[in-house]
Amino acid sequence: MSTKLLCPNCSLSSRFGVFAREQSKAVHTISHPLSTRQGYIVTLKNDSHPPSRRSEYRSGLSPSRRNFSSTPTASSGILKSLASRRGGAAETYVSYGFTQKLYEACSSQADYEIPQLAQKGVEIPKTAEGEELGVGEGLWYKELELLPTFSTWSQVTFLHMYLLTVRIRALPSPESVRTHSRHLFDHFSHNAEQRMATLHNIHSRAIRNKYLKDLFIQWRGILAAYDEGLVKGDAVLGAAVWRNIWKASSSTHDGRDLDWAKVATVVAYMRRVLSELAKTNEADLVFDLVGTEAAAVAAGGEKKTIFGLKNIDFKLGGLK
């Protein structure tokens, strides 16, 4: 990642400072993963208590201790199962399936295709940097004018994985946090390697592994950069977004000056999603991220989701 700083003439926080202040309590609660995680965790030592009292310590968090979300202690069958089987094979299987659904919600946000693959002898177009150019739908491409490339897809997917990671950090068991986080990135690795092979004709496993190692390093850097941005404010978070999604470029792919309102829109989007995730029951995460048809019927036909750019994000960012 580039080490360039955000343009000093651009003040992102002024565009939606009111919104950030209103959400600051909830957002900053979830932006101190290292220093405050222990505040949400009741340490469980099964061997230090007699069997008759172990159930008291498996019940998780007291409502008064958990200030991340309004999740009741007897919330999720999935999470209760994980809490009672931490570290075992059962947790791994449950976590793998659970995070698979979460990952699919992340990877679909900036999905793209390369139609030339189905046309024999047709050359795939490339960007000025040599990246293969696909065709993508959605607001990340239409409104923010990002190019539908593997790089864009991976960075937008990483952004959504990060938002979920912040929420996962509030789970009552440290082991569950580690297991979920590991499986979430495993799903990305498998999907990224599949895309390299099927969409970009990278058939050498050695080359794919090299790219996957680079992506892992990027992921670790993203965790640190976005964490810092959540703590230090919108300008720092915007700088991290600009470096990763816009590759620290002050111009667009067609040579125009970058509209910084687009960066501000992504920052507003991250703040909104984090605020909504903080209020979401763990058991409902899979359904609320992308919405369900049943929920749409109950809402009068409107499919409500947490993920996905919305008009409020563009307004707060200054694009609409």
Protein backbone atom coordinates (compact mmCIF):
# COMPACT_ATOMS: atom_id res chain seq x y z
CA MET A 1 0.00 0.00 0.00
CA SER A 2 1.11 3.48 -0.70
CA THR A 3 2.35 5.60 2.20
CA LYS A 4 1.10 8.85 0.70
CA LEU A 5 -1.10 11.00 2.89
CA LEU A 6 -4.56 12.28 2.14
CA CYS A 7 -4.73 15.63 0.36
CA PRO A 8 -4.41 18.29 3.14
CA ASN A 9 -6.94 20.49 1.35
CA CYS A 10 -9.64 17.84 1.75
CA SER A 11 -11.59 17.85 5.00
CA LEU A 12 -13.81 14.78 5.00
CA SER A 13 -15.11 15.17 8.50
CA SER A 14 -16.82 18.48 7.76
CA ARG A 15 -19.19 16.82 5.27
CA PHE A 16 -20.90 14.59 7.77
CA GLY A 17 -19.59 15.56 11.17
CA VAL A 18 -23.07 15.75 12.65
CA PHE A 19 -23.81 12.16 11.68
CA ALA A 20 -20.47 10.96 13.03
CA ARG A 21 -21.02 12.75 16.34
CA GLU A 22 -24.48 11.24 16.72
CA GLN A 23 -23.05 7.78 16.11
CA SER A 24 -19.78 8.32 17.96
CA LYS A 25 -20.74 6.44 21.08
CA ALA A 26 -21.74 3.27 19.28
CA VAL A 27 -19.01 3.46 16.64
CA HIS A 28 -16.13 4.22 18.96
CA THR A 29 -17.22 1.43 21.25
CA ILE A 30 -16.43 -1.00 18.45
CA SER A 31 -13.29 0.74 17.28
CA HIS A 32 -11.01 -0.24 20.16
CA PRO A 33 -10.55 -3.94 19.44
CA LEU A 34 -7.34 -4.38 21.40
CA SER A 35 -7.86 -2.16 24.39
CA THR A 36 -11.51 -2.81 25.21
CA ARG A 37 -12.26 -6.31 24.02
CA GLN A 38 -11.77 -7.67 27.52
CA GLY A 39 -14.64 -5.47 28.64
CA TYR A 40 -16.99 -7.63 26.64
CA ILE A 41 -15.52 -10.99 27.63
CA VAL A 42 -16.19 -13.11 30.67
CA THR A 43 -13.22 -15.46 30.94
CA LEU A 44 -14.36 -19.05 31.08
CA LYS A 45 -12.21 -21.57 32.89
CA ASN A 46 -14.14 -24.80 32.81
CA ASP A 47 -11.57 -26.72 34.83
CA SER A 48 -11.61 -24.22 37.69
CA HIS A 49 -15.28 -24.72 38.69
CA PRO A 50 -17.19 -27.85 39.69
CA PRO A 51 -19.50 -29.40 37.07
CA SER A 52 -22.60 -28.22 38.90
CA ARG A 53 -21.62 -24.59 38.41
CA ARG A 54 -20.16 -24.71 34.88
CA SER A 55 -23.47 -23.73 33.31
CA GLU A 56 -23.32 -20.43 35.17
CA TYR A 57 -20.07 -19.59 33.41
CA ARG A 58 -21.23 -20.81 30.00
CA SER A 59 -24.13 -18.39 29.89
CA GLY A 60 -21.91 -15.71 28.37
CA LEU A 61 -22.18 -12.03 29.16
CA SER A 62 -24.32 -10.23 31.64
CA PRO A 63 -26.48 -7.59 29.85
CA SER A 64 -24.93 -4.92 32.03
CA ARG A 65 -21.44 -5.83 30.85
CA ARG A 66 -22.18 -5.87 27.14
CA ASN A 67 -22.28 -2.35 25.74
CA PHE A 68 -21.52 -3.25 22.12
CA SER A 69 -25.05 -4.08 21.11
CA SER A 70 -28.50 -4.75 22.46
CA THR A 71 -28.12 -8.48 21.92
CA PRO A 72 -29.85 -10.42 24.71
CA THR A 73 -27.83 -13.09 26.48
CA ALA A 74 -30.10 -15.90 25.32
CA SER A 75 -30.05 -14.76 21.74
CA SER A 76 -28.69 -17.12 19.17
CA GLY A 77 -28.84 -20.86 18.93
CA ILE A 78 -25.75 -20.68 16.75
CA LEU A 79 -23.81 -18.58 19.22
CA LYS A 80 -25.02 -20.58 22.23
CA SER A 81 -23.79 -23.70 20.50
CA LEU A 82 -20.41 -22.08 19.91
CA ALA A 83 -20.19 -20.88 23.49
CA SER A 84 -20.75 -24.37 24.86
CA ARG A 85 -18.32 -26.11 22.47
CA ARG A 86 -15.46 -23.69 22.15
CA GLY A 87 -12.32 -25.09 20.64
CA GLY A 88 -13.90 -28.30 19.39
CA ALA A 89 -14.74 -29.69 15.98
CA ALA A 90 -18.41 -28.74 16.37
CA GLU A 91 -17.55 -25.06 16.66
CA THR A 92 -15.34 -25.25 13.59
CA TYR A 93 -18.09 -26.76 11.43
CA VAL A 94 -20.74 -24.33 12.65
CA SER A 95 -18.39 -21.38 12.25
CA TYR A 96 -17.38 -22.44 8.75
CA GLY A 97 -20.97 -22.48 7.51
CA PHE A 98 -21.90 -19.31 9.39
CA THR A 99 -18.97 -17.31 8.00
CA GLN A 100 -19.56 -18.68 4.50
CA LYS A 101 -22.88 -16.82 4.40
CA LEU A 102 -21.30 -13.70 5.86
CA TYR A 103 -18.52 -13.82 3.28
CA GLU A 104 -20.95 -14.20 0.39
CA ALA A 105 -22.59 -10.95 1.49
CA CYS A 106 -19.17 -9.25 1.40
CA SER A 107 -18.00 -10.60 -1.95
CA SER A 108 -21.21 -9.75 -3.80
CA GLN A 109 -20.98 -5.99 -3.22
CA ALA A 110 -18.57 -5.29 -6.11
CA ASP A 111 -18.90 -8.47 -8.15
CA TYR A 112 -17.87 -8.42 -11.81
CA GLU A 113 -17.69 -10.65 -14.87
CA ILE A 114 -15.44 -10.94 -17.91
CA PRO A 115 -17.79 -11.70 -20.82
CA GLN A 116 -14.92 -12.05 -23.32
CA LEU A 117 -14.09 -15.43 -21.76
CA ALA A 118 -17.10 -16.92 -23.52
CA GLN A 119 -16.07 -15.42 -26.86
CA LYS A 120 -13.33 -17.36 -28.59
CA GLY A 121 -10.45 -15.25 -29.83
CA VAL A 122 -11.69 -12.00 -28.24
CA GLU A 123 -9.05 -10.10 -26.32
CA ILE A 124 -9.84 -9.02 -22.77
CA PRO A 125 -9.46 -5.23 -22.35
CA LYS A 126 -6.96 -3.94 -19.81
CA THR A 127 -6.50 -0.82 -17.74
CA ALA A 128 -3.52 1.51 -18.16
CA GLU A 129 -1.82 -0.41 -15.33
CA GLY A 130 -2.31 -3.72 -17.14
CA GLU A 131 -5.20 -5.10 -15.06
CA GLU A 132 -7.83 -7.11 -16.90
CA LEU A 133 -11.04 -5.12 -17.13
CA GLY A 134 -14.40 -6.75 -16.53
CA VAL A 135 -18.03 -5.66 -16.47
CA GLY A 136 -19.67 -4.82 -13.17
CA GLU A 137 -23.03 -3.62 -11.95
CA GLY A 138 -23.91 -1.81 -8.76
CA LEU A 139 -23.27 1.55 -7.18
CA TRP A 140 -19.58 0.97 -6.52
CA TYR A 141 -19.07 1.01 -10.28
CA LYS A 142 -21.90 3.29 -11.44
CA GLU A 143 -21.84 6.03 -8.80
CA LEU A 144 -18.29 5.86 -7.47
CA GLU A 145 -16.92 5.10 -10.96
CA LEU A 146 -14.50 2.42 -9.84
CA LEU A 147 -13.17 0.07 -12.50
CA PRO A 148 -14.49 -3.52 -12.38
CA THR A 149 -11.18 -5.28 -11.82
CA PHE A 150 -9.92 -7.98 -9.49
CA SER A 151 -8.18 -5.29 -7.45
CA THR A 152 -11.36 -3.26 -6.95
CA TRP A 153 -13.37 -6.36 -6.08
CA SER A 154 -10.81 -7.51 -3.51
CA GLN A 155 -10.57 -4.09 -1.82
CA VAL A 156 -14.34 -3.59 -1.60
CA THR A 157 -14.69 -7.15 -0.30
CA PHE A 158 -11.97 -6.47 2.27
CA LEU A 159 -13.81 -3.34 3.40
CA HIS A 160 -16.97 -5.33 4.10
CA MET A 161 -15.01 -8.14 5.74
CA TYR A 162 -13.47 -5.52 8.00
CA LEU A 163 -16.89 -4.19 9.01
CA LEU A 164 -17.95 -7.72 9.94
CA THR A 165 -14.68 -8.32 11.78
CA VAL A 166 -15.38 -5.34 14.03
CA ARG A 167 -18.76 -6.87 14.89
CA ILE A 168 -17.31 -10.35 15.39
CA ARG A 169 -14.85 -8.97 17.94
CA ALA A 170 -17.77 -8.45 20.33
CA LEU A 171 -18.57 -12.17 20.58
CA PRO A 172 -18.32 -13.39 24.18
CA SER A 173 -15.65 -16.01 23.48
CA PRO A 174 -12.13 -15.05 22.33
CA GLU A 175 -11.83 -18.47 20.71
CA SER A 176 -15.01 -17.83 18.69
CA VAL A 177 -13.61 -14.48 17.56
CA ARG A 178 -10.43 -16.15 16.33
CA THR A 179 -12.29 -19.03 14.66
CA HIS A 180 -14.77 -16.77 12.85
CA SER A 181 -12.04 -14.37 11.74
CA ARG A 182 -9.87 -17.20 10.42
CA HIS A 183 -12.71 -18.82 8.48
CA LEU A 184 -13.82 -15.47 7.04
CA PHE A 185 -10.41 -14.95 5.46
CA ASP A 186 -10.24 -18.61 4.40
CA HIS A 187 -13.43 -18.12 2.39
CA PHE A 188 -11.90 -15.07 0.74
CA SER A 189 -8.72 -16.97 -0.13
CA HIS A 190 -10.64 -19.83 -1.75
CA ASN A 191 -12.85 -17.45 -3.71
CA ALA A 192 -9.93 -15.24 -4.79
CA GLU A 193 -7.95 -18.24 -6.03
CA GLN A 194 -10.98 -19.49 -7.95
CA ARG A 195 -11.36 -16.10 -9.63
CA MET A 196 -7.70 -16.05 -10.58
CA ALA A 197 -8.07 -19.41 -12.29
CA THR A 198 -11.49 -19.04 -13.93
CA LEU A 199 -11.68 -15.31 -14.74
CA HIS A 200 -8.03 -14.44 -15.27
CA ASN A 201 -6.54 -17.70 -16.56
CA ILE A 202 -3.84 -17.90 -13.90
CA HIS A 203 -3.31 -21.64 -13.98
CA SER A 204 0.01 -21.76 -12.14
CA ARG A 205 -0.56 -22.61 -8.50
CA ALA A 206 2.77 -21.03 -7.56
CA ILE A 207 1.70 -17.69 -9.05
CA ARG A 208 -1.71 -17.90 -7.38
CA ASN A 209 -0.07 -18.62 -4.04
CA LYS A 210 2.19 -15.60 -4.45
CA TYR A 211 -0.82 -13.37 -5.08
CA LEU A 212 -2.65 -14.89 -2.11
CA LYS A 213 0.30 -14.11 0.16
CA ASP A 214 0.25 -10.52 -1.08
CA LEU A 215 -3.49 -10.33 -0.39
CA PHE A 216 -2.99 -11.63 3.14
CA ILE A 217 -0.41 -8.90 3.78
CA GLN A 218 -2.87 -6.33 2.39
CA TRP A 219 -5.59 -7.67 4.69
CA ARG A 220 -3.40 -7.28 7.77
CA GLY A 221 -2.58 -3.72 6.73
CA ILE A 222 -6.25 -2.94 6.16
CA LEU A 223 -7.16 -4.11 9.66
CA ALA A 224 -4.60 -1.74 11.16
CA ALA A 225 -5.41 1.20 8.87
CA TYR A 226 -9.18 1.07 9.30
CA ASP A 227 -8.89 0.51 13.05
CA GLU A 228 -6.75 3.63 13.28
CA GLY A 229 -9.29 5.56 11.21
CA LEU A 230 -12.21 4.57 13.43
CA VAL A 231 -10.33 5.79 16.49
CA LYS A 232 -8.74 8.96 15.11
CA GLY A 233 -11.60 10.30 12.99
CA ASP A 234 -13.07 10.58 9.52
CA ALA A 235 -10.09 12.24 7.85
CA VAL A 236 -7.77 9.39 8.89
CA LEU A 237 -10.36 6.79 7.92
CA GLY A 238 -10.87 8.55 4.60
CA ALA A 239 -7.12 8.48 3.97
CA ALA A 240 -7.12 4.71 4.52
CA VAL A 241 -10.08 4.28 2.16
CA TRP A 242 -8.37 6.44 -0.47
CA ARG A 243 -5.10 4.50 -0.26
CA ASN A 244 -6.75 1.11 -0.60
CA ILE A 245 -9.75 1.58 -2.88
CA TRP A 246 -8.47 4.49 -4.99
CA LYS A 247 -4.82 3.34 -4.80
CA ALA A 248 -3.75 6.73 -3.42
CA SER A 249 -4.43 8.38 -6.77
CA SER A 250 -5.63 11.97 -7.01
CA SER A 251 -7.16 11.37 -10.44
CA THR A 252 -9.71 8.97 -11.89
CA HIS A 253 -9.04 6.31 -14.52
CA ASP A 254 -10.01 8.75 -17.29
CA GLY A 255 -7.69 11.52 -16.10
CA ARG A 256 -10.19 13.70 -14.22
CA ASP A 257 -9.48 15.02 -10.73
CA LEU A 258 -10.83 12.72 -8.06
CA ASP A 259 -14.06 13.92 -6.48
CA TRP A 260 -13.28 13.65 -2.77
CA ALA A 261 -16.98 13.43 -2.03
CA LYS A 262 -16.75 9.83 -3.25
CA VAL A 263 -14.21 9.04 -0.55
CA ALA A 264 -16.41 10.82 1.99
CA THR A 265 -19.36 8.72 0.84
CA VAL A 266 -17.50 5.50 1.59
CA VAL A 267 -16.54 6.80 5.04
CA ALA A 268 -20.19 7.69 5.74
CA TYR A 269 -21.18 4.22 4.53
CA MET A 270 -18.72 2.54 6.89
CA ARG A 271 -19.96 4.57 9.85
CA ARG A 272 -23.59 3.75 9.09
CA VAL A 273 -22.98 0.04 8.60
CA LEU A 274 -20.97 -0.22 11.82
CA SER A 275 -23.72 1.55 13.72
CA GLU A 276 -26.37 -0.82 12.34
CA LEU A 277 -24.24 -3.91 12.94
CA ALA A 278 -23.80 -2.85 16.56
CA LYS A 279 -27.57 -3.08 17.00
CA THR A 280 -27.95 -6.40 15.20
CA ASN A 281 -28.42 -9.68 17.02
CA GLU A 282 -25.73 -12.22 16.11
CA ALA A 283 -28.37 -14.71 15.02
CA ASP A 284 -29.79 -12.18 12.55
CA LEU A 285 -26.50 -11.11 10.95
CA VAL A 286 -26.79 -13.40 7.94
CA PHE A 287 -30.34 -12.30 7.18
CA ASP A 288 -29.94 -8.58 7.85
CA LEU A 289 -26.79 -8.08 5.77
CA VAL A 290 -28.50 -8.69 2.43
CA GLY A 291 -32.17 -8.82 3.43
CA THR A 292 -34.75 -11.54 2.90
CA GLU A 293 -37.90 -11.77 0.83
CA ALA A 294 -39.97 -12.40 3.96
CA ALA A 295 -38.64 -9.22 5.54
CA ALA A 296 -39.38 -7.35 2.32
CA VAL A 297 -43.01 -8.47 2.41
CA ALA A 298 -43.29 -7.44 6.05
CA ALA A 299 -41.85 -4.02 5.19
CA GLY A 300 -44.36 -3.45 2.42
CA GLY A 301 -42.23 -4.62 -0.47
CA GLU A 302 -38.98 -2.84 0.38
CA LYS A 303 -36.02 -5.16 0.89
CA LYS A 304 -34.10 -3.71 3.82
CA THR A 305 -30.41 -4.51 4.08
CA ILE A 306 -27.40 -3.36 6.07
CA PHE A 307 -24.84 -3.81 3.31
CA GLY A 308 -25.17 -1.77 0.16
CA LEU A 309 -24.71 1.93 -0.57
CA LYS A 310 -27.85 3.96 0.12
CA ASN A 311 -29.03 7.49 -0.60
CA ILE A 312 -28.22 8.57 2.95
CA ASP A 313 -24.58 7.64 2.39
CA PHE A 314 -24.37 9.74 -0.78
CA LYS A 315 -26.06 12.68 0.94
CA LEU A 316 -23.72 12.57 3.92
CA GLY A 317 -20.76 12.29 1.58
CA GLY A 318 -21.90 15.26 -0.48
CA LEU A 319 -22.59 13.47 -3.79
CA LYS A 320 -26.36 13.99 -3.75
